Amino acid sequence: MKALIIGCGIAGPVTAMALREVGIDAEIFEAYGQGAEDVGSFLNVASNGLAALRVLGAHHKVLSQAIPTPRMVMWSGSGKRLGEVANGLRLDDGTVSHTVLRSDLYRSMRDEATRRGIEVTYGKRLVSYDESGRQVTARFADGTEATGDLLIACDGVHSRTRTLLDPRAPAARYSGLYSFGGIVKDAGFPGEPGVYNMVFGKRAFFGYTERRAWGGERQPASPAEPRASATIGTQRRAWGGERQPASPAEPRASATIGTQRRAWGGERQPASPAEPRASATIGTERRAWGGERQPASPAEPRASATMGAVPESGETWWFANLPRRLGDVPEDWKPVLVRAFEDDANFSAELIRRSDVEPGSPVYDLPPVPVWHRGRVLLVGDAAHATSPSSGQGASLAMEDAVVLARCLRDSGSHTEAFERFEAERRPRAERVVAYSRTISNSKAAGPVARVFRDLMLPFFLKKSASQESLAWMYRYQASL
């Protein structure tokens, strides 16, 4: 069996890889003449999306390029802390939700798909398709065509395939917001790395997170890396994790300081003259406790982290959602954004002043789409159930779709049965996420009266939703083959 995949964004490569896992060949056809390496800002890949990628063995590269962002702190434009919620729930191996440049996510998924032998052809804009017996033929604007057993539409919120499948299908729905994003190096503003700060401003919505590295370049923490740990007394402590009983064979944590070895939970012992004193490389110097500073070798890595203390360098990743009439586009967005945030009690306006502000993108979602499939053609990802970015679930839903579709095709007697099972499993969840996300988007575009009510009620809402169980319906979903 062969599937024609229309679209090479995020959903296309992941769907192709999932189908290959169950023995279905796939070929990707992308409308644009080249890849999307420089398209978009950054996005959230929630823990449920990473769990789906893990099923395909495609999550490592994404995690290596991303920022762990497991928490969100909400603020009012007046500077009041409204509350905190989890951004996803920790997986069984400790993996949390991550934020990644869209270009990095796209490149890692596309490159992994091609590494697995999946062909990607550019400049293939779909104009029509025909079904004939046991096959479907896609026809492209350049006059070429391709034939396969299935046609899977991964062509996004403005899907051409959706219109071909059902001419009465709803068009994308404008949310009332324009979206912007940027990265400022060494901004110098306070912020805890790994935490999304979300500000419900007086005129617009602002969010930011930090990536930090001491004296070096930005480096994400790999989930595969063991957490720092030490044996202290009779317990092993893992920073960011729980205490575990120490093995009797494990020595207690110790370090040589001056002329004595210190063992936590034990007695001092004379240090062997051959033992080096405890040392660490910080910035461009090696520090030895009880000794002198020494220049650090250029080969020595500088200390780095994604969470914790104040570093020598870092980046602030920010985004803004601006209520705006669709089509009301100024010549220069920067002064418009600065004015929108200059009366808020935070540094958002100053951060925008320091940024290169690209043209804003209208934020869309989809109302319920009546027809997800017909014959040998199926919609997945944003083509079927586009959600606004407010829930941080767009990419993750597409990743889940890919795994579920592969399972349904493998376990069903026909493509018709598979498509029906896929829709039955995915539609309720996807439409619930879209509705949830739209509610959040509406709160970002609140008017003066609604804004006052929102800021009064939001702390109560956040307190109610702060528990993990209140978020479980969204984050505990496990797509499996």
Protein backbone atom coordinates (compact mmCIF):
# COMPACT_ATOMS: atom_id res chain seq x y z
CA MET A 1 0.00 0.00 0.00
CA LYS A 2 1.21 3.52 -0.80
CA ALA A 3 0.02 6.82 0.68
CA LEU A 4 0.35 10.20 -1.01
CA ILE A 5 1.02 12.78 1.73
CA ILE A 6 -0.01 16.31 0.77
CA GLY A 7 2.09 18.83 2.70
CA CYS A 8 5.54 18.80 4.28
CA GLY A 9 5.10 20.91 7.39
CA ILE A 10 5.10 19.06 10.71
CA ALA A 11 2.15 16.70 10.19
CA GLY A 12 3.34 15.41 6.80
CA PRO A 13 6.73 13.95 7.79
CA VAL A 14 5.43 12.56 11.10
CA THR A 15 2.47 10.90 9.35
CA ALA A 16 4.77 9.41 6.72
CA MET A 17 7.07 7.99 9.40
CA ALA A 18 4.15 6.51 11.33
CA LEU A 19 2.78 4.82 8.21
CA ARG A 20 6.21 3.36 7.45
CA GLU A 21 6.20 1.83 10.94
CA VAL A 22 3.20 -0.31 9.94
CA GLY A 23 4.48 -1.23 6.48
CA ILE A 24 2.79 1.46 4.37
CA ASP A 25 4.95 3.32 1.85
CA ALA A 26 4.57 7.07 1.82
CA GLU A 27 5.69 9.92 -0.41
CA ILE A 28 5.38 13.60 0.53
CA PHE A 29 4.35 16.34 -1.91
CA GLU A 30 4.98 19.94 -0.83
CA ALA A 31 3.33 22.90 -2.59
CA TYR A 32 6.22 25.31 -2.09
CA GLY A 33 9.38 25.11 -4.16
CA GLN A 34 11.67 24.73 -1.15
CA GLY A 35 11.68 23.76 2.48
CA ALA A 36 10.43 25.88 5.39
CA GLU A 37 13.78 26.22 7.16
CA ASP A 38 13.28 29.94 7.87
CA VAL A 39 9.51 30.02 8.37
CA GLY A 40 7.82 30.84 11.67
CA SER A 41 8.95 31.71 15.18
CA PHE A 42 8.75 29.07 17.93
CA LEU A 43 6.10 26.78 19.34
CA ASN A 44 5.25 24.49 22.20
CA VAL A 45 5.50 20.72 21.83
CA ALA A 46 3.52 19.43 24.78
CA SER A 47 4.40 16.27 26.67
CA ASN A 48 1.59 14.34 24.96
CA GLY A 49 3.04 15.26 21.55
CA LEU A 50 6.51 14.19 22.63
CA ALA A 51 5.02 10.90 23.83
CA ALA A 52 3.66 10.34 20.30
CA LEU A 53 7.06 11.10 18.77
CA ARG A 54 8.66 8.71 21.24
CA VAL A 55 6.46 5.91 19.86
CA LEU A 56 8.13 6.55 16.50
CA GLY A 57 11.62 6.96 17.95
CA ALA A 58 11.69 10.51 16.54
CA HIS A 59 11.81 12.60 19.72
CA HIS A 60 15.55 12.77 20.54
CA LYS A 61 16.52 15.35 17.91
CA VAL A 62 13.60 17.60 18.85
CA LEU A 63 14.50 17.51 22.53
CA SER A 64 18.15 18.26 21.83
CA GLN A 65 17.17 21.55 20.14
CA ALA A 66 14.43 22.69 22.51
CA ILE A 67 13.95 24.42 25.86
CA PRO A 68 12.24 22.46 28.65
CA THR A 69 9.22 24.60 29.64
CA PRO A 70 7.15 22.65 32.19
CA ARG A 71 5.50 25.60 33.98
CA MET A 72 3.48 28.70 33.19
CA VAL A 73 3.08 31.69 35.51
CA MET A 74 0.23 34.10 34.76
CA TRP A 75 0.42 37.86 35.38
CA SER A 76 -1.89 40.83 34.94
CA GLY A 77 -0.81 43.93 33.08
CA SER A 78 -0.58 45.69 36.44
CA GLY A 79 2.12 43.27 37.56
CA LYS A 80 -0.05 41.12 39.81
CA ARG A 81 0.79 37.42 39.89
CA LEU A 82 -2.45 35.64 39.03
CA GLY A 83 -1.36 32.03 39.46
CA GLU A 84 0.58 29.11 38.01
CA VAL A 85 -0.33 26.05 35.96
CA ALA A 86 1.59 23.15 34.49
CA ASN A 87 2.51 23.25 30.82
CA GLY A 88 1.93 19.57 30.23
CA LEU A 89 2.52 16.68 32.60
CA ARG A 90 5.82 14.89 33.10
CA LEU A 91 6.16 11.60 31.20
CA ASP A 92 7.30 8.41 32.90
CA ASP A 93 10.92 9.05 31.86
CA GLY A 94 10.85 12.61 33.21
CA THR A 95 10.30 14.34 29.85
CA VAL A 96 8.35 17.61 30.07
CA SER A 97 6.85 19.94 27.49
CA HIS A 98 9.43 21.80 25.38
CA THR A 99 9.58 24.98 23.34
CA VAL A 100 11.37 24.77 20.00
CA LEU A 101 11.98 26.98 17.00
CA ARG A 102 9.49 26.01 14.33
CA SER A 103 12.32 25.85 11.79
CA ASP A 104 14.24 23.40 14.02
CA LEU A 105 11.16 21.22 14.53
CA TYR A 106 10.40 21.23 10.82
CA ARG A 107 13.97 20.43 9.86
CA SER A 108 14.35 17.62 12.37
CA MET A 109 11.09 15.94 11.29
CA ARG A 110 11.75 16.38 7.57
CA ASP A 111 15.35 15.19 7.84
CA GLU A 112 14.37 12.17 9.95
CA ALA A 113 11.72 11.22 7.40
CA THR A 114 14.17 11.40 4.51
CA ARG A 115 16.75 9.47 6.56
CA ARG A 116 14.15 6.68 6.80
CA GLY A 117 13.82 6.59 3.03
CA ILE A 118 10.72 8.77 2.58
CA GLU A 119 10.84 10.89 -0.54
CA VAL A 120 9.89 14.58 -0.41
CA THR A 121 9.09 16.42 -3.66
CA TYR A 122 8.76 20.21 -3.70
CA GLY A 123 6.80 22.48 -6.03
CA LYS A 124 3.77 20.15 -6.06
CA ARG A 125 0.70 22.26 -5.40
CA LEU A 126 -2.42 20.07 -5.41
CA VAL A 127 -5.18 21.27 -7.74
CA SER A 128 -7.40 18.19 -7.95
CA TYR A 129 -7.61 14.46 -7.37
CA ASP A 130 -9.55 11.56 -8.85
CA GLU A 131 -10.43 8.13 -7.49
CA SER A 132 -10.51 5.20 -9.84
CA GLY A 133 -11.21 1.74 -8.51
CA ARG A 134 -8.58 0.89 -5.91
CA GLN A 135 -6.39 3.97 -6.44
CA VAL A 136 -6.39 7.76 -6.11
CA THR A 137 -4.51 10.14 -8.40
CA ALA A 138 -3.33 13.58 -7.28
CA ARG A 139 -2.88 16.27 -9.94
CA PHE A 140 -0.56 19.20 -9.39
CA ALA A 141 -0.34 22.75 -10.73
CA ASP A 142 2.82 21.97 -12.72
CA GLY A 143 0.91 19.43 -14.82
CA THR A 144 2.32 16.33 -13.13
CA GLU A 145 0.40 13.69 -11.21
CA ALA A 146 0.99 10.90 -8.71
CA THR A 147 -1.01 7.75 -7.97
CA GLY A 148 -1.35 5.81 -4.75
CA ASP A 149 -3.76 3.82 -2.62
CA LEU A 150 -4.53 6.63 -0.17
CA LEU A 151 -4.29 10.42 -0.13
CA ILE A 152 -3.61 11.91 3.32
CA ALA A 153 -4.04 15.69 3.56
CA CYS A 154 -1.51 17.37 5.85
CA ASP A 155 -1.79 20.78 4.15
CA GLY A 156 -2.73 22.90 7.12
CA VAL A 157 -5.44 25.26 8.26
CA HIS A 158 -5.99 26.64 4.73
CA SER A 159 -6.09 23.13 3.25
CA ARG A 160 -6.81 22.90 -0.46
CA THR A 161 -7.62 19.23 0.00
CA ARG A 162 -10.35 20.02 2.53
CA THR A 163 -12.16 22.15 -0.06
CA LEU A 164 -11.77 19.50 -2.75
CA LEU A 165 -13.08 16.85 -0.37
CA ASP A 166 -16.10 18.93 0.62
CA PRO A 167 -16.80 22.23 -1.19
CA ARG A 168 -19.04 23.22 1.73
CA ALA A 169 -16.30 22.71 4.32
CA PRO A 170 -15.81 25.69 6.63
CA ALA A 171 -12.98 28.08 5.93
CA ALA A 172 -10.40 28.97 8.53
CA ARG A 173 -11.83 31.19 11.30
CA TYR A 174 -9.94 34.34 12.34
CA SER A 175 -9.40 34.52 16.10
CA GLY A 176 -9.22 38.32 16.31
CA LEU A 177 -5.48 38.21 17.05
CA TYR A 178 -2.24 38.86 15.19
CA SER A 179 0.75 36.90 16.46
CA PHE A 180 4.38 38.04 16.72
CA GLY A 181 7.53 36.47 18.08
CA GLY A 182 11.19 37.21 18.59
CA ILE A 183 14.41 36.28 20.37
CA VAL A 184 16.59 38.82 22.18
CA LYS A 185 20.07 37.82 23.27
CA ASP A 186 21.36 38.96 26.67
CA ALA A 187 18.21 40.96 27.40
CA GLY A 188 19.22 41.34 31.04
CA PHE A 189 15.67 41.14 32.38
CA PRO A 190 14.69 38.88 35.30
CA GLY A 191 13.12 35.56 34.52
CA GLU A 192 13.41 31.94 35.57
CA PRO A 193 14.62 29.73 32.71
CA GLY A 194 12.17 27.02 31.73
CA VAL A 195 9.13 28.98 32.91
CA TYR A 196 6.66 30.62 30.56
CA ASN A 197 5.55 33.98 31.91
CA MET A 198 2.15 34.86 30.44
CA VAL A 199 0.98 38.46 30.79
CA PHE A 200 -2.65 39.46 30.25
CA GLY A 201 -1.81 43.04 29.36
CA LYS A 202 -4.10 46.06 29.22
CA ARG A 203 -4.23 46.04 25.42
CA ALA A 204 -2.59 42.78 24.31
CA PHE A 205 -1.15 39.46 25.52
CA PHE A 206 2.57 38.87 26.03
CA GLY A 207 4.57 35.72 26.83
CA TYR A 208 8.24 35.00 27.33
CA THR A 209 10.69 32.38 28.56
CA GLU A 210 14.43 32.30 29.13
CA ARG A 211 17.25 30.13 27.87
CA ARG A 212 20.44 30.57 29.83
CA ALA A 213 24.10 29.50 29.57
CA TRP A 214 26.97 30.70 31.76
CA GLY A 215 29.55 32.36 29.59
CA GLY A 216 28.75 30.23 26.57
CA GLU A 217 26.27 29.65 23.81
CA ARG A 218 22.70 28.57 24.38
CA GLN A 219 22.51 24.87 25.09
CA PRO A 220 19.34 22.93 25.82
CA ALA A 221 19.26 20.23 28.44
CA SER A 222 18.98 16.81 26.88
CA PRO A 223 16.28 14.66 28.52
CA ALA A 224 18.60 11.72 28.00
CA GLU A 225 21.18 13.30 30.29
CA PRO A 226 21.12 12.01 33.86
CA ARG A 227 20.18 14.56 36.46
CA ALA A 228 22.93 15.74 38.78
CA SER A 229 22.99 13.54 41.85
CA ALA A 230 25.03 12.78 44.93
CA THR A 231 24.87 10.31 47.79
CA ILE A 232 24.32 12.22 51.02
CA GLY A 233 24.09 10.24 54.23
CA THR A 234 21.90 7.28 53.41
CA GLN A 235 19.98 8.90 50.56
CA ARG A 236 20.79 9.72 46.97
CA ARG A 237 19.59 13.19 46.00
CA ALA A 238 18.78 14.02 42.39
CA TRP A 239 18.22 17.70 41.66
CA GLY A 240 14.79 18.03 40.09
CA GLY A 241 13.89 14.51 41.18
CA GLU A 242 13.02 12.52 44.28
CA ARG A 243 15.20 11.08 46.97
CA GLN A 244 16.18 7.48 46.55
CA PRO A 245 17.85 5.12 49.04
CA ALA A 246 21.57 4.89 48.41
CA SER A 247 23.14 1.54 47.70
CA PRO A 248 25.22 0.31 50.66
CA ALA A 249 28.09 -0.05 48.22
CA GLU A 250 27.89 3.59 47.18
CA PRO A 251 30.39 5.89 48.84
CA ARG A 252 28.96 8.96 50.47
CA ALA A 253 29.44 12.20 48.59
CA SER A 254 32.86 13.64 49.28
CA ALA A 255 35.20 16.37 48.05
CA THR A 256 38.77 17.34 48.82
CA ILE A 257 38.81 20.86 50.33
CA GLY A 258 42.12 22.28 51.36
CA THR A 259 43.98 19.42 53.01
CA GLN A 260 40.97 17.46 54.20
CA ARG A 261 38.42 15.24 52.48
CA ARG A 262 34.88 16.04 53.60
CA ALA A 263 32.23 13.32 53.48
CA TRP A 264 28.68 14.51 54.03
CA GLY A 265 27.19 12.46 56.82
CA GLY A 266 30.63 11.20 57.81
CA GLU A 267 33.88 12.32 59.44
CA ARG A 268 36.75 14.35 58.01
CA GLN A 269 39.66 12.32 56.72
CA PRO A 270 43.11 13.47 55.72
CA ALA A 271 43.37 13.97 51.99
CA SER A 272 45.95 12.05 50.01
CA PRO A 273 48.61 14.43 48.58
CA ALA A 274 47.87 12.87 45.19
CA GLU A 275 44.21 13.83 45.32
CA PRO A 276 43.30 16.94 43.38
CA ARG A 277 41.28 19.55 45.18
CA ALA A 278 37.65 19.96 44.14
CA SER A 279 37.43 22.31 41.16
CA ALA A 280 35.03 23.56 38.52
CA THR A 281 35.32 25.60 35.36
CA ILE A 282 33.31 28.82 35.60
CA GLY A 283 33.46 31.30 32.71
CA THR A 284 37.12 31.48 31.69
CA GLU A 285 38.64 30.42 35.01
CA ARG A 286 38.97 27.17 36.85
CA ARG A 287 38.21 27.61 40.55
CA ALA A 288 39.70 25.24 43.14
CA TRP A 289 38.26 25.41 46.65
CA GLY A 290 41.06 26.05 49.07
CA GLY A 291 43.39 26.89 46.22
CA GLU A 292 44.08 29.56 43.61
CA ARG A 293 42.25 30.41 40.41
CA GLN A 294 43.72 28.95 37.26
CA PRO A 295 42.94 29.75 33.61
CA ALA A 296 40.52 27.26 32.15
CA SER A 297 41.55 25.19 29.18
CA PRO A 298 39.75 26.31 25.99
CA ALA A 299 38.72 22.69 25.55
CA GLU A 300 36.88 22.65 28.86
CA PRO A 301 33.15 23.22 28.58
CA ARG A 302 31.80 26.13 30.56
CA ALA A 303 29.20 25.41 33.19
CA SER A 304 25.71 25.70 31.74
CA ALA A 305 22.12 25.10 32.70
CA THR A 306 18.62 25.69 31.53
CA MET A 307 17.21 26.31 35.01
CA GLY A 308 18.43 28.12 38.08
CA ALA A 309 21.02 30.76 38.83
CA VAL A 310 21.82 33.93 36.94
CA PRO A 311 24.21 33.21 34.06
CA GLU A 312 26.59 35.34 32.02
CA SER A 313 24.56 35.06 28.83
CA GLY A 314 21.21 33.92 27.57
CA GLU A 315 18.20 34.58 25.38
CA THR A 316 14.67 35.75 25.97
CA TRP A 317 12.12 34.11 23.66
CA TRP A 318 8.98 36.26 23.48
CA PHE A 319 5.66 36.29 21.67
CA ALA A 320 2.75 38.71 21.53
CA ASN A 321 -0.92 38.38 20.59
CA LEU A 322 -2.43 41.70 19.49
CA PRO A 323 -6.20 42.17 19.05
CA ARG A 324 -6.62 43.62 15.56
CA ARG A 325 -9.12 43.81 12.77
CA LEU A 326 -8.14 41.35 10.04
CA GLY A 327 -6.35 43.18 7.26
CA ASP A 328 -5.49 46.27 9.34
CA VAL A 329 -1.77 46.04 8.67
CA PRO A 330 0.55 49.03 9.34
CA GLU A 331 3.77 49.72 7.47
CA ASP A 332 5.77 49.04 10.63
CA TRP A 333 4.47 46.78 13.40
CA LYS A 334 7.10 47.67 16.02
CA PRO A 335 5.68 51.05 17.16
CA VAL A 336 2.20 49.52 17.20
CA LEU A 337 3.38 46.73 19.52
CA VAL A 338 5.35 49.11 21.74
CA ARG A 339 2.27 51.29 22.22
CA ALA A 340 0.19 48.22 23.03
CA PHE A 341 2.45 47.25 25.93
CA GLU A 342 4.02 50.51 27.13
CA ASP A 343 1.47 50.98 29.94
CA ASP A 344 1.92 47.45 31.34
CA ALA A 345 3.95 46.99 34.52
CA ASN A 346 6.65 44.82 32.97
CA PHE A 347 9.48 45.03 30.45
CA SER A 348 7.54 43.79 27.40
CA ALA A 349 7.63 47.13 25.56
CA GLU A 350 11.37 47.46 26.10
CA LEU A 351 11.97 43.90 24.91
CA ILE A 352 10.05 44.66 21.70
CA ARG A 353 12.11 47.83 21.19
CA ARG A 354 15.26 45.70 21.20
CA SER A 355 13.81 43.14 18.76
CA ASP A 356 13.57 42.80 15.03
CA VAL A 357 9.79 42.65 14.62
CA GLU A 358 8.64 40.69 11.60
CA PRO A 359 5.18 41.17 10.05
CA GLY A 360 2.42 39.76 12.24
CA SER A 361 0.55 36.60 11.32
CA PRO A 362 -3.24 36.36 11.73
CA VAL A 363 -4.18 33.56 14.12
CA TYR A 364 -6.76 31.09 12.78
CA ASP A 365 -8.52 27.99 13.94
CA LEU A 366 -11.25 25.79 12.46
CA PRO A 367 -14.86 25.35 13.50
CA PRO A 368 -15.97 21.70 13.47
CA VAL A 369 -15.31 20.22 10.02
CA PRO A 370 -18.23 17.94 9.03
CA VAL A 371 -16.31 15.73 6.58
CA TRP A 372 -12.92 14.36 7.59
CA HIS A 373 -12.75 11.62 4.96
CA ARG A 374 -14.42 10.36 1.84
CA GLY A 375 -13.34 7.45 -0.32
CA ARG A 376 -9.55 7.14 -0.18
CA VAL A 377 -8.92 10.68 1.06
CA LEU A 378 -8.46 11.71 4.71
CA LEU A 379 -7.72 14.99 6.50
CA VAL A 380 -5.30 15.01 9.46
CA GLY A 381 -3.67 17.66 11.65
CA ASP A 382 -4.59 21.28 11.03
CA ALA A 383 -6.38 20.35 7.81
CA ALA A 384 -9.02 18.62 9.96
CA HIS A 385 -8.95 20.43 13.33
CA ALA A 386 -6.68 23.48 13.40
CA THR A 387 -6.40 24.99 16.87
CA SER A 388 -5.09 28.41 17.81
CA PRO A 389 -1.66 28.46 19.48
CA SER A 390 -3.20 29.40 22.83
CA SER A 391 -3.45 25.79 23.98
CA GLY A 392 0.06 24.90 22.79
CA GLN A 393 -1.39 21.74 21.22
CA GLY A 394 -1.35 22.22 17.43
CA ALA A 395 1.81 20.27 16.66
CA SER A 396 1.07 17.71 19.38
CA LEU A 397 -2.39 16.89 17.99
CA ALA A 398 -0.86 16.30 14.56
CA MET A 399 1.73 13.95 16.07
CA GLU A 400 -1.01 12.02 17.87
CA ASP A 401 -3.03 11.84 14.63
CA ALA A 402 -0.11 10.25 12.82
CA VAL A 403 0.29 7.42 15.33
CA VAL A 404 -3.44 6.74 15.65
CA LEU A 405 -3.93 6.68 11.88
CA ALA A 406 -1.11 4.18 11.43
CA ARG A 407 -2.61 1.91 14.09
CA CYS A 408 -6.10 2.11 12.58
CA LEU A 409 -4.82 1.24 9.11
CA ARG A 410 -2.81 -1.67 10.45
CA ASP A 411 -5.65 -3.11 12.52
CA SER A 412 -8.58 -2.57 10.13
CA GLY A 413 -9.85 -4.70 7.29
CA SER A 414 -10.13 -1.79 4.85
CA HIS A 415 -9.18 1.86 4.51
CA THR A 416 -12.85 2.82 4.98
CA GLU A 417 -13.02 1.06 8.33
CA ALA A 418 -9.66 2.56 9.31
CA PHE A 419 -10.74 6.11 8.48
CA GLU A 420 -13.99 5.66 10.43
CA ARG A 421 -12.13 4.35 13.48
CA PHE A 422 -9.62 7.19 13.21
CA GLU A 423 -12.34 9.85 13.17
CA ALA A 424 -14.27 8.23 16.00
CA GLU A 425 -11.18 8.26 18.20
CA ARG A 426 -9.78 11.63 17.25
CA ARG A 427 -12.71 13.98 16.60
CA PRO A 428 -14.02 14.36 20.20
CA ARG A 429 -10.56 15.04 21.59
CA ALA A 430 -9.45 17.40 18.81
CA GLU A 431 -12.64 19.47 18.91
CA ARG A 432 -12.43 19.75 22.69
CA VAL A 433 -8.88 21.12 22.42
CA VAL A 434 -9.92 23.58 19.69
CA ALA A 435 -12.80 24.88 21.85
CA TYR A 436 -10.55 25.13 24.93
CA SER A 437 -7.92 27.04 22.94
CA ARG A 438 -10.49 29.42 21.48
CA THR A 439 -11.70 30.28 24.98
CA ILE A 440 -8.15 31.27 25.92
CA SER A 441 -7.75 33.31 22.71
CA ASN A 442 -10.98 35.17 23.46
CA SER A 443 -9.66 36.13 26.89
CA LYS A 444 -6.59 37.65 25.24
CA ALA A 445 -8.77 39.91 23.11
CA ALA A 446 -11.01 41.04 25.96
CA GLY A 447 -12.44 44.55 26.00
CA PRO A 448 -12.09 46.98 28.97
CA VAL A 449 -15.05 45.60 30.96
CA ALA A 450 -14.31 41.94 30.16
CA ARG A 451 -10.66 42.55 31.05
CA VAL A 452 -11.56 43.62 34.60
CA PHE A 453 -13.79 40.59 35.04
CA ARG A 454 -11.08 38.30 33.60
CA ASP A 455 -8.41 39.57 35.98
CA LEU A 456 -10.76 39.11 38.94
CA MET A 457 -11.80 35.58 38.02
CA LEU A 458 -8.58 34.20 36.57
CA PRO A 459 -6.89 33.51 39.94
CA PHE A 460 -9.85 31.33 40.97
CA PHE A 461 -9.81 29.54 37.62
CA LEU A 462 -6.06 28.94 37.81
CA LYS A 463 -6.33 27.65 41.37
CA LYS A 464 -8.97 25.17 40.25
CA SER A 465 -6.97 24.07 37.20
CA ALA A 466 -3.58 23.94 38.92
CA SER A 467 -3.93 20.30 39.88
CA GLN A 468 -2.57 17.73 37.48
CA GLU A 469 -5.87 15.89 37.28
CA SER A 470 -7.66 18.96 35.92
CA LEU A 471 -5.24 18.92 32.97
CA ALA A 472 -5.10 15.15 32.55
CA TRP A 473 -7.71 15.05 29.77
CA MET A 474 -5.34 17.02 27.54
CA TYR A 475 -1.90 15.83 28.58
CA ARG A 476 -2.39 12.20 29.68
CA TYR A 477 -3.52 11.02 26.24
CA GLN A 478 -1.21 8.26 25.02
CA ALA A 479 -1.15 7.58 21.29
CA SER A 480 0.10 4.05 20.69
CA LEU A 481 0.78 1.68 17.84
